[in-house]
Each structure stands twice: as structure tokens, then as C-alpha cells.
Amino acid sequence: MKKISVLVPCYNEEENVEAISAAILEQLDKLSNYDYELVFIDNCSKDKTRNIIEGLCSKNQKIKAIFNAKNFGQFNSPYHGMLQVSGDCVILMCADFQDPVEMIPKFVSEWEKGYMIVCGIKASSKENKIMRFIRTCYYKIIKKMSDVEQIEHFTGFALYDRSFIEVLRKLDDPTPFIRGIVAELGFARKDIIYEQQKRKAGKTKNNFYTLYDAAMLSFTSYTKIGLRIATFLGVFIGFVSLIIGIIYLILKLLFWDNFSAGTVPILIGVFFFGAVQLFFIGLIGEYIMAINTRVMKRPLVVEDKRINF
């Protein structure tokens, strides 16, 4: 009998974990030909999330839990959890009901047809319209820049076959970006569209910093264009500056007494070049920081406790 693992990462989701557990188990019970496990990986919640999960685990041995020693970020924790499950496939989904639990049977059906990865793609969303627009622009830009295919409106909500999980285990990447890895490795994939729902309860944990961190991780992992632009722009600005300098020299020689260059062009040029330099120093710093993190080979997470494993 094949086994399905459902992995639910959570952080401060005391209002959702019990309800999402019941909803997932209801869907899994419909798949009578499969064994299953439901695994929560908690990223060091500060509310009652852990207490509720412990209660769920005590009532049902098929519900398991991994408690991290601290918050290791929105990418490391789910990735680590995917490596710990024991099923023939794992379904990764959020605890806030934005990923519809009704998709579970659809994922399994496509998996049985031979697809190694079945992705949920947000064709529409009930989230903030402005955020939806910003995300769409981001996906379009990163898709144009990247050498690797990027999957638009894919958040990681998907079914992953055991063979894919074993490849993830061999990657040994301390800063994994699962959305890029899925497209990069080339496994047989099926995309299923869905409408993203509103968060059922609680507040989103995403903010400008976390969204920026996600964007820069994908940018530094899958694009070269930032560094190429720095090179090309440097050459272009240098050439334009040389032409302007020659023009100013000629004008000064021809109209020595009447032509006054003044200090304004110099000040504008200094501030402009300073801004360009700071921008690309910061961009190069992002690449260096990504390299440094990977070279240090820190563990994905440090576990504090396991239940029912």
C-alpha cells in the first residue's frame, strides 16, 4: 500500500492548526487505498500552536510533529520537513487554508498517472489586488531574466514524488529555493490551476523584509543579468562620460572667454555615479551573501523535539 505524507509548515497558527488538521484528514480518509501521515513542522511559534499540535498528536498516531529550536525562515523549515517524511509522495501546503485541501485527491490522481511533481498554480487569488499585481510583475521579470524556467504563481503548494525528495537530499543546499529547484531539475510535472483563498484566521507572517528576501534569493540563485547589467552600464556610462568630456573640452577651446562649464554638471555627475555605484555594490553584496551562506554549510534547521516519529 502506498503512503501519502502531508507536510504543513506553521508559525503562530494557533487559530488554524486544529481546523486544517481535520480538513486534511477528511480528504485523506477518502483515499481509502492509501496509508498516510500528517506532519506539522513548527518554526518556533510563540503562541499556543505547539500545545495544540501536541494534543493532536496524542489523539492520533498518524499525526506527527517536528518542533524547530528557533525560526529558521520560510524556506529552510519546509525543505527540512520534506526530507523527514516517510511517504511515497509528500504534499506541501500552508496551515492558513489559502491552499485548498480539496486539491489533495486531484494531486494524487495526477501522480498516479506518472507525474513526479504536481504543482498548484494560482490562476486567481482573493488576496490583496495590489499584492497580486506586484507578484505578477515579479514573476514576469524573473522569468525574463532567468536561464532556468520559472513557474509563475507557484508558491510550493504541490505533490512531490519520493524520487524528487531523494534528489533534494543529495543537493545539500543550506539556502534552498524550492520553487526554482522544481523547474530546474526537470522532473515530469503537471500544473493544476486553482483559486487561492483568503487566510481563514490569524495574520499573515509575510512583510516587506520576508518578501524581499524571497525575491533576492530567487534573483541571486537563478539570474546572471544583474551582474551583466553592472558591466554593460559601466561601459556605457564611461563611454558617454568620455564623449561629454571631449565636447566640453572643444567648447572651452573654441569659446574660452564666454563658455563657463560651472559646477552643476560636476555635482550631478558625482551624485549620479555615486548612486549607480551604491546600487551595484548592494547587488553584488547580495550575490556574495548568498555564496557565503552556501559555503558555510550550516544545517537547514536545528530540531528541538519530535513527536510520533
C-alpha atoms as a PDB file:
ATOM      1  CA  MET A   1       0.000   0.000   0.000  1.00  0.00           C
ATOM      2  CA  LYS A   2       1.380   3.397  -0.984  1.00  0.00           C
ATOM      3  CA  LYS A   3       1.788   6.048   1.659  1.00  0.00           C
ATOM      4  CA  ILE A   4       0.948   9.749   1.305  1.00  0.00           C
ATOM      5  CA  SER A   5       2.648  12.306   3.526  1.00  0.00           C
ATOM      6  CA  VAL A   6       1.123  15.752   4.007  1.00  0.00           C
ATOM      7  CA  LEU A   7       3.534  18.346   5.356  1.00  0.00           C
ATOM      8  CA  VAL A   8       2.206  21.538   6.945  1.00  0.00           C
ATOM      9  CA  PRO A   9       4.765  24.177   7.980  1.00  0.00           C
ATOM     10  CA  CYS A  10       3.432  26.588  10.576  1.00  0.00           C
ATOM     11  CA  TYR A  11       4.386  29.593  12.652  1.00  0.00           C
ATOM     12  CA  ASN A  12       1.966  31.173  15.124  1.00  0.00           C
ATOM     13  CA  GLU A  13      -1.060  29.400  13.646  1.00  0.00           C
ATOM     14  CA  GLU A  14      -2.969  28.567  16.825  1.00  0.00           C
ATOM     15  CA  GLU A  15      -6.250  29.554  15.180  1.00  0.00           C
ATOM     16  CA  ASN A  16      -5.749  27.281  12.181  1.00  0.00           C
ATOM     17  CA  VAL A  17      -3.818  24.091  13.022  1.00  0.00           C
ATOM     18  CA  GLU A  18      -6.723  22.161  14.521  1.00  0.00           C
ATOM     19  CA  ALA A  19      -9.086  23.072  11.687  1.00  0.00           C
ATOM     20  CA  ILE A  20      -6.534  22.368   8.948  1.00  0.00           C
ATOM     21  CA  SER A  21      -5.731  19.011  10.561  1.00  0.00           C
ATOM     22  CA  ALA A  22      -9.405  17.976  10.497  1.00  0.00           C
ATOM     23  CA  ALA A  23      -9.850  19.178   6.920  1.00  0.00           C
ATOM     24  CA  ILE A  24      -6.750  17.318   5.663  1.00  0.00           C
ATOM     25  CA  LEU A  25      -7.661  14.090   7.462  1.00  0.00           C
ATOM     26  CA  GLU A  26     -11.141  14.256   5.938  1.00  0.00           C
ATOM     27  CA  GLN A  27      -9.608  14.359   2.461  1.00  0.00           C
ATOM     28  CA  LEU A  28      -7.088  11.617   3.242  1.00  0.00           C
ATOM     29  CA  ASP A  29      -9.801   9.323   4.603  1.00  0.00           C
ATOM     30  CA  LYS A  30     -11.452   9.491   1.173  1.00  0.00           C
ATOM     31  CA  LEU A  31      -8.300   7.941  -0.309  1.00  0.00           C
ATOM     32  CA  SER A  32      -9.002   4.549   1.213  1.00  0.00           C
ATOM     33  CA  ASN A  33      -6.380   2.715  -0.846  1.00  0.00           C
ATOM     34  CA  TYR A  34      -3.512   4.659   0.731  1.00  0.00           C
ATOM     35  CA  ASP A  35      -1.779   4.838   4.072  1.00  0.00           C
ATOM     36  CA  TYR A  36      -0.969   8.357   5.212  1.00  0.00           C
ATOM     37  CA  GLU A  37       0.731  10.606   7.736  1.00  0.00           C
ATOM     38  CA  LEU A  38       0.173  14.280   8.565  1.00  0.00           C
ATOM     39  CA  VAL A  39       3.342  16.078   9.640  1.00  0.00           C
ATOM     40  CA  PHE A  40       3.454  19.538  11.185  1.00  0.00           C
ATOM     41  CA  ILE A  41       6.811  21.317  11.262  1.00  0.00           C
ATOM     42  CA  ASP A  42       6.633  24.284  13.609  1.00  0.00           C
ATOM     43  CA  ASN A  43       9.107  27.134  13.157  1.00  0.00           C
ATOM     44  CA  CYS A  44       9.313  28.051  16.865  1.00  0.00           C
ATOM     45  CA  SER A  45       5.841  29.516  17.329  1.00  0.00           C
ATOM     46  CA  LYS A  46       5.349  31.965  20.203  1.00  0.00           C
ATOM     47  CA  ASP A  47       1.630  31.308  20.717  1.00  0.00           C
ATOM     48  CA  LYS A  48      -0.241  28.087  21.592  1.00  0.00           C
ATOM     49  CA  THR A  49       0.418  26.379  18.261  1.00  0.00           C
ATOM     50  CA  ARG A  50       2.774  23.779  19.730  1.00  0.00           C
ATOM     51  CA  ASN A  51       0.420  22.881  22.568  1.00  0.00           C
ATOM     52  CA  ILE A  52      -2.413  22.336  20.106  1.00  0.00           C
ATOM     53  CA  ILE A  53      -0.222  20.208  17.825  1.00  0.00           C
ATOM     54  CA  GLU A  54       0.908  18.098  20.796  1.00  0.00           C
ATOM     55  CA  GLY A  55      -2.738  17.498  21.638  1.00  0.00           C
ATOM     56  CA  LEU A  56      -3.492  16.413  18.076  1.00  0.00           C
ATOM     57  CA  CYS A  57      -0.512  14.035  18.096  1.00  0.00           C
ATOM     58  CA  SER A  58      -1.617  12.435  21.364  1.00  0.00           C
ATOM     59  CA  LYS A  59      -5.022  11.637  19.863  1.00  0.00           C
ATOM     60  CA  ASN A  60      -3.798  10.288  16.526  1.00  0.00           C
ATOM     61  CA  GLN A  61      -0.504   8.472  15.963  1.00  0.00           C
ATOM     62  CA  LYS A  62      -0.634   9.311  12.259  1.00  0.00           C
ATOM     63  CA  ILE A  63      -0.243  12.988  13.122  1.00  0.00           C
ATOM     64  CA  LYS A  64       3.417  13.794  13.688  1.00  0.00           C
ATOM     65  CA  ALA A  65       5.321  16.921  14.634  1.00  0.00           C
ATOM     66  CA  ILE A  66       8.768  18.451  14.335  1.00  0.00           C
ATOM     67  CA  PHE A  67       9.494  21.460  16.550  1.00  0.00           C
ATOM     68  CA  ASN A  68      12.388  23.663  15.479  1.00  0.00           C
ATOM     69  CA  ALA A  69      14.682  25.169  18.100  1.00  0.00           C
ATOM     70  CA  LYS A  70      14.216  28.647  16.552  1.00  0.00           C
ATOM     71  CA  ASN A  71      12.717  30.271  13.486  1.00  0.00           C
ATOM     72  CA  PHE A  72      14.891  29.175  10.552  1.00  0.00           C
ATOM     73  CA  GLY A  73      12.958  31.031   7.864  1.00  0.00           C
ATOM     74  CA  GLN A  74      10.179  30.337   5.420  1.00  0.00           C
ATOM     75  CA  PHE A  75      12.292  28.192   3.062  1.00  0.00           C
ATOM     76  CA  ASN A  76      14.535  26.068   5.272  1.00  0.00           C
ATOM     77  CA  SER A  77      11.808  24.719   7.536  1.00  0.00           C
ATOM     78  CA  PRO A  78       9.528  23.244   4.811  1.00  0.00           C
ATOM     79  CA  TYR A  79      12.556  21.908   2.914  1.00  0.00           C
ATOM     80  CA  HIS A  80      13.823  20.126   6.035  1.00  0.00           C
ATOM     81  CA  GLY A  81      10.361  18.719   6.683  1.00  0.00           C
ATOM     82  CA  MET A  82      10.188  17.289   3.164  1.00  0.00           C
ATOM     83  CA  LEU A  83      13.365  15.338   3.856  1.00  0.00           C
ATOM     84  CA  GLN A  84      11.930  13.811   7.066  1.00  0.00           C
ATOM     85  CA  VAL A  85       8.626  12.349   5.831  1.00  0.00           C
ATOM     86  CA  SER A  86       8.293   8.649   5.028  1.00  0.00           C
ATOM     87  CA  GLY A  87       5.612   8.605   2.320  1.00  0.00           C
ATOM     88  CA  ASP A  88       5.929   7.606  -1.324  1.00  0.00           C
ATOM     89  CA  CYS A  89       4.963  11.206  -2.020  1.00  0.00           C
ATOM     90  CA  VAL A  90       4.628  14.358   0.048  1.00  0.00           C
ATOM     91  CA  ILE A  91       2.078  17.144  -0.332  1.00  0.00           C
ATOM     92  CA  LEU A  92       3.329  20.510   0.937  1.00  0.00           C
ATOM     93  CA  MET A  93       0.668  23.004   1.951  1.00  0.00           C
ATOM     94  CA  CYS A  94       0.179  26.013   4.236  1.00  0.00           C
ATOM     95  CA  ALA A  95      -1.715  25.957   7.521  1.00  0.00           C
ATOM     96  CA  ASP A  96      -3.838  29.040   6.784  1.00  0.00           C
ATOM     97  CA  PHE A  97      -6.272  27.436   4.266  1.00  0.00           C
ATOM     98  CA  GLN A  98      -5.001  29.538   1.350  1.00  0.00           C
ATOM     99  CA  ASP A  99      -4.008  26.219  -0.243  1.00  0.00           C
ATOM    100  CA  PRO A 100      -7.322  24.345  -0.778  1.00  0.00           C
ATOM    101  CA  VAL A 101      -7.364  20.916   0.861  1.00  0.00           C
ATOM    102  CA  GLU A 102      -9.751  19.780  -1.886  1.00  0.00           C
ATOM    103  CA  MET A 103      -6.736  19.695  -4.204  1.00  0.00           C
ATOM    104  CA  ILE A 104      -5.244  16.681  -2.401  1.00  0.00           C
ATOM    105  CA  PRO A 105      -7.241  13.997  -4.311  1.00  0.00           C
ATOM    106  CA  LYS A 106      -6.544  15.822  -7.601  1.00  0.00           C
ATOM    107  CA  PHE A 107      -2.820  15.836  -6.869  1.00  0.00           C
ATOM    108  CA  VAL A 108      -2.844  12.122  -6.056  1.00  0.00           C
ATOM    109  CA  SER A 109      -4.819  11.314  -9.208  1.00  0.00           C
ATOM    110  CA  GLU A 110      -2.260  13.064 -11.431  1.00  0.00           C
ATOM    111  CA  TRP A 111       0.607  11.450  -9.503  1.00  0.00           C
ATOM    112  CA  GLU A 112      -0.826   8.016 -10.265  1.00  0.00           C
ATOM    113  CA  LYS A 113      -0.744   8.929 -13.969  1.00  0.00           C
ATOM    114  CA  GLY A 114       3.040   9.108 -13.753  1.00  0.00           C
ATOM    115  CA  TYR A 115       3.795  12.751 -12.918  1.00  0.00           C
ATOM    116  CA  MET A 116       6.616  13.111 -10.399  1.00  0.00           C
ATOM    117  CA  ILE A 117       5.564  16.629  -9.377  1.00  0.00           C
ATOM    118  CA  VAL A 118       2.038  18.038  -9.397  1.00  0.00           C
ATOM    119  CA  CYS A 119       2.045  21.813  -8.859  1.00  0.00           C
ATOM    120  CA  GLY A 120      -0.789  24.028  -7.722  1.00  0.00           C
ATOM    121  CA  ILE A 121      -0.764  27.234  -9.785  1.00  0.00           C
ATOM    122  CA  LYS A 122      -2.672  30.309  -8.594  1.00  0.00           C
ATOM    123  CA  ALA A 123      -4.771  31.252 -11.616  1.00  0.00           C
ATOM    124  CA  SER A 124      -6.591  33.779  -9.448  1.00  0.00           C
ATOM    125  CA  SER A 125      -6.475  34.914  -5.864  1.00  0.00           C
ATOM    126  CA  LYS A 126      -8.647  36.517  -3.217  1.00  0.00           C
ATOM    127  CA  GLU A 127      -5.590  38.242  -1.764  1.00  0.00           C
ATOM    128  CA  ASN A 128      -4.987  41.988  -1.944  1.00  0.00           C
ATOM    129  CA  LYS A 129      -5.209  43.178  -5.571  1.00  0.00           C
ATOM    130  CA  ILE A 130      -2.094  45.320  -5.245  1.00  0.00           C
ATOM    131  CA  MET A 131      -0.064  42.394  -3.902  1.00  0.00           C
ATOM    132  CA  ARG A 132      -1.397  40.214  -6.704  1.00  0.00           C
ATOM    133  CA  PHE A 133      -0.227  42.791  -9.259  1.00  0.00           C
ATOM    134  CA  ILE A 134       3.217  43.112  -7.643  1.00  0.00           C
ATOM    135  CA  ARG A 135       3.661  39.328  -7.570  1.00  0.00           C
ATOM    136  CA  THR A 136       2.638  39.075 -11.228  1.00  0.00           C
ATOM    137  CA  CYS A 137       5.191  41.736 -12.207  1.00  0.00           C
ATOM    138  CA  TYR A 138       7.864  39.953 -10.199  1.00  0.00           C
ATOM    139  CA  TYR A 139       7.186  36.593 -11.862  1.00  0.00           C
ATOM    140  CA  LYS A 140       7.268  38.183 -15.314  1.00  0.00           C
ATOM    141  CA  ILE A 141      10.584  39.931 -14.605  1.00  0.00           C
ATOM    142  CA  ILE A 142      12.338  36.938 -13.040  1.00  0.00           C
ATOM    143  CA  LYS A 143      11.091  34.711 -15.872  1.00  0.00           C
ATOM    144  CA  LYS A 144      12.651  37.045 -18.436  1.00  0.00           C
ATOM    145  CA  MET A 145      15.937  37.263 -16.551  1.00  0.00           C
ATOM    146  CA  SER A 146      16.462  33.627 -15.575  1.00  0.00           C
ATOM    147  CA  ASP A 147      18.229  30.971 -17.625  1.00  0.00           C
ATOM    148  CA  VAL A 148      16.065  28.393 -15.821  1.00  0.00           C
ATOM    149  CA  GLU A 149      12.320  28.142 -16.417  1.00  0.00           C
ATOM    150  CA  GLN A 150      10.423  29.900 -13.642  1.00  0.00           C
ATOM    151  CA  ILE A 151       6.892  28.772 -12.744  1.00  0.00           C
ATOM    152  CA  GLU A 152       4.562  31.736 -12.444  1.00  0.00           C
ATOM    153  CA  HIS A 153       2.320  31.972  -9.374  1.00  0.00           C
ATOM    154  CA  PHE A 154       3.741  28.794  -7.833  1.00  0.00           C
ATOM    155  CA  THR A 155       4.215  29.026  -4.066  1.00  0.00           C
ATOM    156  CA  GLY A 156       5.449  25.491  -3.347  1.00  0.00           C
ATOM    157  CA  PHE A 157       1.957  24.023  -2.875  1.00  0.00           C
ATOM    158  CA  ALA A 158       2.374  20.719  -4.684  1.00  0.00           C
ATOM    159  CA  LEU A 159       2.768  16.961  -4.555  1.00  0.00           C
ATOM    160  CA  TYR A 160       6.356  15.697  -4.765  1.00  0.00           C
ATOM    161  CA  ASP A 161       7.287  12.095  -5.547  1.00  0.00           C
ATOM    162  CA  ARG A 162       9.788  10.241  -3.375  1.00  0.00           C
ATOM    163  CA  SER A 163      12.308  10.206  -6.231  1.00  0.00           C
ATOM    164  CA  PHE A 164      12.318  14.022  -6.219  1.00  0.00           C
ATOM    165  CA  ILE A 165      12.774  14.092  -2.449  1.00  0.00           C
ATOM    166  CA  GLU A 166      15.823  11.839  -2.746  1.00  0.00           C
ATOM    167  CA  VAL A 167      17.359  14.272  -5.237  1.00  0.00           C
ATOM    168  CA  LEU A 168      16.683  17.133  -2.808  1.00  0.00           C
ATOM    169  CA  ARG A 169      18.508  15.163  -0.138  1.00  0.00           C
ATOM    170  CA  LYS A 170      21.621  14.997  -2.315  1.00  0.00           C
ATOM    171  CA  LEU A 171      21.629  18.721  -3.147  1.00  0.00           C
ATOM    172  CA  ASP A 172      22.909  19.666   0.316  1.00  0.00           C
ATOM    173  CA  ASP A 173      21.819  23.272  -0.178  1.00  0.00           C
ATOM    174  CA  PRO A 174      21.662  25.335   3.060  1.00  0.00           C
ATOM    175  CA  THR A 175      19.572  28.055   1.359  1.00  0.00           C
ATOM    176  CA  PRO A 176      17.112  26.119  -0.811  1.00  0.00           C
ATOM    177  CA  PHE A 177      14.565  27.822  -3.054  1.00  0.00           C
ATOM    178  CA  ILE A 178      12.122  25.027  -3.776  1.00  0.00           C
ATOM    179  CA  ARG A 179      10.174  26.989  -6.408  1.00  0.00           C
ATOM    180  CA  GLY A 180      13.280  27.312  -8.555  1.00  0.00           C
ATOM    181  CA  ILE A 181      14.534  23.780  -7.856  1.00  0.00           C
ATOM    182  CA  VAL A 182      11.259  22.257  -9.106  1.00  0.00           C
ATOM    183  CA  ALA A 183      11.690  23.878 -12.520  1.00  0.00           C
ATOM    184  CA  GLU A 184      15.458  23.418 -12.620  1.00  0.00           C
ATOM    185  CA  LEU A 185      15.641  19.651 -12.133  1.00  0.00           C
ATOM    186  CA  GLY A 186      13.261  18.772 -14.968  1.00  0.00           C
ATOM    187  CA  PHE A 187      11.074  16.096 -13.383  1.00  0.00           C
ATOM    188  CA  ALA A 188       7.842  15.199 -15.191  1.00  0.00           C
ATOM    189  CA  ARG A 189       5.449  17.878 -13.957  1.00  0.00           C
ATOM    190  CA  LYS A 190       1.733  18.575 -14.111  1.00  0.00           C
ATOM    191  CA  ASP A 191       0.340  22.024 -13.306  1.00  0.00           C
ATOM    192  CA  ILE A 192      -3.173  22.324 -11.865  1.00  0.00           C
ATOM    193  CA  ILE A 193      -4.713  25.759 -11.535  1.00  0.00           C
ATOM    194  CA  TYR A 194      -6.708  26.844  -8.505  1.00  0.00           C
ATOM    195  CA  GLU A 195      -8.043  29.988  -6.853  1.00  0.00           C
ATOM    196  CA  GLN A 196      -6.094  30.996  -3.793  1.00  0.00           C
ATOM    197  CA  GLN A 197      -8.404  31.581  -0.852  1.00  0.00           C
ATOM    198  CA  LYS A 198      -8.199  34.223   1.838  1.00  0.00           C
ATOM    199  CA  ARG A 199      -6.449  33.318   5.067  1.00  0.00           C
ATOM    200  CA  LYS A 200      -9.073  31.678   7.293  1.00  0.00           C
ATOM    201  CA  ALA A 201      -7.823  33.162  10.567  1.00  0.00           C
ATOM    202  CA  GLY A 202      -4.855  34.982  12.034  1.00  0.00           C
ATOM    203  CA  LYS A 203      -2.471  37.399  10.332  1.00  0.00           C
ATOM    204  CA  THR A 204      -0.012  36.744   7.542  1.00  0.00           C
ATOM    205  CA  LYS A 205       3.620  36.410   8.624  1.00  0.00           C
ATOM    206  CA  ASN A 206       4.894  37.930   5.395  1.00  0.00           C
ATOM    207  CA  ASN A 207       6.144  41.511   5.370  1.00  0.00           C
ATOM    208  CA  PHE A 208       8.343  43.635   3.143  1.00  0.00           C
ATOM    209  CA  TYR A 209      11.522  42.031   4.502  1.00  0.00           C
ATOM    210  CA  THR A 210      10.393  38.415   4.001  1.00  0.00           C
ATOM    211  CA  LEU A 211       9.050  39.142   0.509  1.00  0.00           C
ATOM    212  CA  TYR A 212      12.273  40.965  -0.406  1.00  0.00           C
ATOM    213  CA  ASP A 213      14.300  38.044   0.966  1.00  0.00           C
ATOM    214  CA  ALA A 214      12.350  35.612  -1.224  1.00  0.00           C
ATOM    215  CA  ALA A 215      12.770  37.795  -4.295  1.00  0.00           C
ATOM    216  CA  MET A 216      16.528  38.219  -3.807  1.00  0.00           C
ATOM    217  CA  LEU A 217      17.027  34.500  -3.136  1.00  0.00           C
ATOM    218  CA  SER A 218      15.466  33.630  -6.488  1.00  0.00           C
ATOM    219  CA  PHE A 219      17.287  36.513  -8.190  1.00  0.00           C
ATOM    220  CA  THR A 220      20.755  35.548  -6.942  1.00  0.00           C
ATOM    221  CA  SER A 221      20.144  31.812  -7.426  1.00  0.00           C
ATOM    222  CA  TYR A 222      18.772  31.846 -10.953  1.00  0.00           C
ATOM    223  CA  THR A 223      19.872  35.009 -12.752  1.00  0.00           C
ATOM    224  CA  LYS A 224      23.139  36.461 -14.044  1.00  0.00           C
ATOM    225  CA  ILE A 225      21.639  39.560 -15.575  1.00  0.00           C
ATOM    226  CA  GLY A 226      22.237  41.776 -12.535  1.00  0.00           C
ATOM    227  CA  LEU A 227      25.999  41.424 -12.806  1.00  0.00           C
ATOM    228  CA  ARG A 228      25.871  41.678 -16.593  1.00  0.00           C
ATOM    229  CA  ILE A 229      23.897  44.929 -16.358  1.00  0.00           C
ATOM    230  CA  ALA A 230      26.536  46.332 -13.999  1.00  0.00           C
ATOM    231  CA  THR A 231      29.236  45.593 -16.579  1.00  0.00           C
ATOM    232  CA  PHE A 232      27.317  46.938 -19.568  1.00  0.00           C
ATOM    233  CA  LEU A 233      26.079  50.028 -17.727  1.00  0.00           C
ATOM    234  CA  GLY A 234      29.606  50.763 -16.520  1.00  0.00           C
ATOM    235  CA  VAL A 235      30.938  50.608 -20.072  1.00  0.00           C
ATOM    236  CA  PHE A 236      28.069  52.735 -21.391  1.00  0.00           C
ATOM    237  CA  ILE A 237      28.398  55.423 -18.712  1.00  0.00           C
ATOM    238  CA  GLY A 238      32.165  55.501 -19.210  1.00  0.00           C
ATOM    239  CA  PHE A 239      31.725  55.990 -22.964  1.00  0.00           C
ATOM    240  CA  VAL A 240      29.085  58.726 -22.521  1.00  0.00           C
ATOM    241  CA  SER A 241      31.267  60.473 -19.954  1.00  0.00           C
ATOM    242  CA  LEU A 242      34.202  60.409 -22.361  1.00  0.00           C
ATOM    243  CA  ILE A 243      32.091  61.938 -25.160  1.00  0.00           C
ATOM    244  CA  ILE A 244      30.729  64.646 -22.844  1.00  0.00           C
ATOM    245  CA  GLY A 245      34.240  65.413 -21.647  1.00  0.00           C
ATOM    246  CA  ILE A 246      35.514  65.807 -25.203  1.00  0.00           C
ATOM    247  CA  ILE A 247      32.541  68.070 -26.100  1.00  0.00           C
ATOM    248  CA  TYR A 248      33.204  70.253 -23.067  1.00  0.00           C
ATOM    249  CA  LEU A 249      36.896  70.466 -23.946  1.00  0.00           C
ATOM    250  CA  ILE A 250      36.158  71.517 -27.547  1.00  0.00           C
ATOM    251  CA  LEU A 251      33.588  74.120 -26.426  1.00  0.00           C
ATOM    252  CA  LYS A 252      36.051  75.532 -23.912  1.00  0.00           C
ATOM    253  CA  LEU A 253      38.831  75.758 -26.509  1.00  0.00           C
ATOM    254  CA  LEU A 254      36.553  77.439 -29.064  1.00  0.00           C
ATOM    255  CA  PHE A 255      34.835  79.817 -26.639  1.00  0.00           C
ATOM    256  CA  TRP A 256      37.461  80.251 -23.938  1.00  0.00           C
ATOM    257  CA  ASP A 257      36.211  83.543 -22.533  1.00  0.00           C
ATOM    258  CA  ASN A 258      32.457  83.018 -22.983  1.00  0.00           C
ATOM    259  CA  PHE A 259      31.984  79.332 -22.109  1.00  0.00           C
ATOM    260  CA  SER A 260      31.609  78.503 -18.418  1.00  0.00           C
ATOM    261  CA  ALA A 261      31.008  74.871 -17.516  1.00  0.00           C
ATOM    262  CA  GLY A 262      30.085  75.643 -13.919  1.00  0.00           C
ATOM    263  CA  THR A 263      29.887  73.211 -11.012  1.00  0.00           C
ATOM    264  CA  VAL A 264      26.307  71.955 -11.533  1.00  0.00           C
ATOM    265  CA  PRO A 265      27.202  69.302 -14.149  1.00  0.00           C
ATOM    266  CA  ILE A 266      30.022  68.100 -11.907  1.00  0.00           C
ATOM    267  CA  LEU A 267      27.728  67.776  -8.874  1.00  0.00           C
ATOM    268  CA  ILE A 268      25.034  65.998 -10.874  1.00  0.00           C
ATOM    269  CA  GLY A 269      27.604  63.615 -12.309  1.00  0.00           C
ATOM    270  CA  VAL A 270      29.104  62.861  -8.875  1.00  0.00           C
ATOM    271  CA  PHE A 271      25.706  62.105  -7.304  1.00  0.00           C
ATOM    272  CA  PHE A 272      24.596  60.048 -10.315  1.00  0.00           C
ATOM    273  CA  PHE A 273      27.738  57.906 -10.401  1.00  0.00           C
ATOM    274  CA  GLY A 274      27.630  57.564  -6.617  1.00  0.00           C
ATOM    275  CA  ALA A 275      24.047  56.242  -6.757  1.00  0.00           C
ATOM    276  CA  VAL A 276      24.902  53.793  -9.542  1.00  0.00           C
ATOM    277  CA  GLN A 277      27.919  52.518  -7.613  1.00  0.00           C
ATOM    278  CA  LEU A 278      25.962  52.066  -4.381  1.00  0.00           C
ATOM    279  CA  PHE A 279      23.191  50.196  -6.212  1.00  0.00           C
ATOM    280  CA  PHE A 280      25.556  47.708  -7.796  1.00  0.00           C
ATOM    281  CA  ILE A 281      27.681  47.336  -4.681  1.00  0.00           C
ATOM    282  CA  GLY A 282      24.468  46.313  -2.908  1.00  0.00           C
ATOM    283  CA  LEU A 283      23.548  43.933  -5.734  1.00  0.00           C
ATOM    284  CA  ILE A 284      26.985  42.325  -5.733  1.00  0.00           C
ATOM    285  CA  GLY A 285      26.688  42.109  -1.943  1.00  0.00           C
ATOM    286  CA  GLU A 286      23.508  40.045  -2.322  1.00  0.00           C
ATOM    287  CA  TYR A 287      25.357  37.567  -4.551  1.00  0.00           C
ATOM    288  CA  ILE A 288      28.295  37.417  -2.125  1.00  0.00           C
ATOM    289  CA  MET A 289      25.961  36.901   0.835  1.00  0.00           C
ATOM    290  CA  ALA A 290      24.244  34.017  -0.994  1.00  0.00           C
ATOM    291  CA  ILE A 291      27.645  32.458  -1.769  1.00  0.00           C
ATOM    292  CA  ASN A 292      28.801  32.939   1.827  1.00  0.00           C
ATOM    293  CA  THR A 293      25.696  31.267   3.233  1.00  0.00           C
ATOM    294  CA  ARG A 294      26.155  28.257   0.982  1.00  0.00           C
ATOM    295  CA  VAL A 295      29.874  27.949   1.716  1.00  0.00           C
ATOM    296  CA  MET A 296      29.330  27.924   5.497  1.00  0.00           C
ATOM    297  CA  LYS A 297      27.254  24.724   5.177  1.00  0.00           C
ATOM    298  CA  ARG A 298      25.076  25.458   8.192  1.00  0.00           C
ATOM    299  CA  PRO A 299      22.269  22.935   8.875  1.00  0.00           C
ATOM    300  CA  LEU A 300      18.847  23.669   7.422  1.00  0.00           C
ATOM    301  CA  VAL A 301      17.292  23.701  10.876  1.00  0.00           C
ATOM    302  CA  VAL A 302      18.066  22.516  14.383  1.00  0.00           C
ATOM    303  CA  GLU A 303      15.269  20.414  15.855  1.00  0.00           C
ATOM    304  CA  ASP A 304      14.060  20.840  19.402  1.00  0.00           C
ATOM    305  CA  LYS A 305      11.606  17.917  19.560  1.00  0.00           C
ATOM    306  CA  ARG A 306       9.868  15.221  17.522  1.00  0.00           C
ATOM    307  CA  ILE A 307       6.543  13.551  18.211  1.00  0.00           C
ATOM    308  CA  ASN A 308       5.253  10.196  16.876  1.00  0.00           C
ATOM    309  CA  PHE A 309       8.296   9.524  14.677  1.00  0.00           C
END
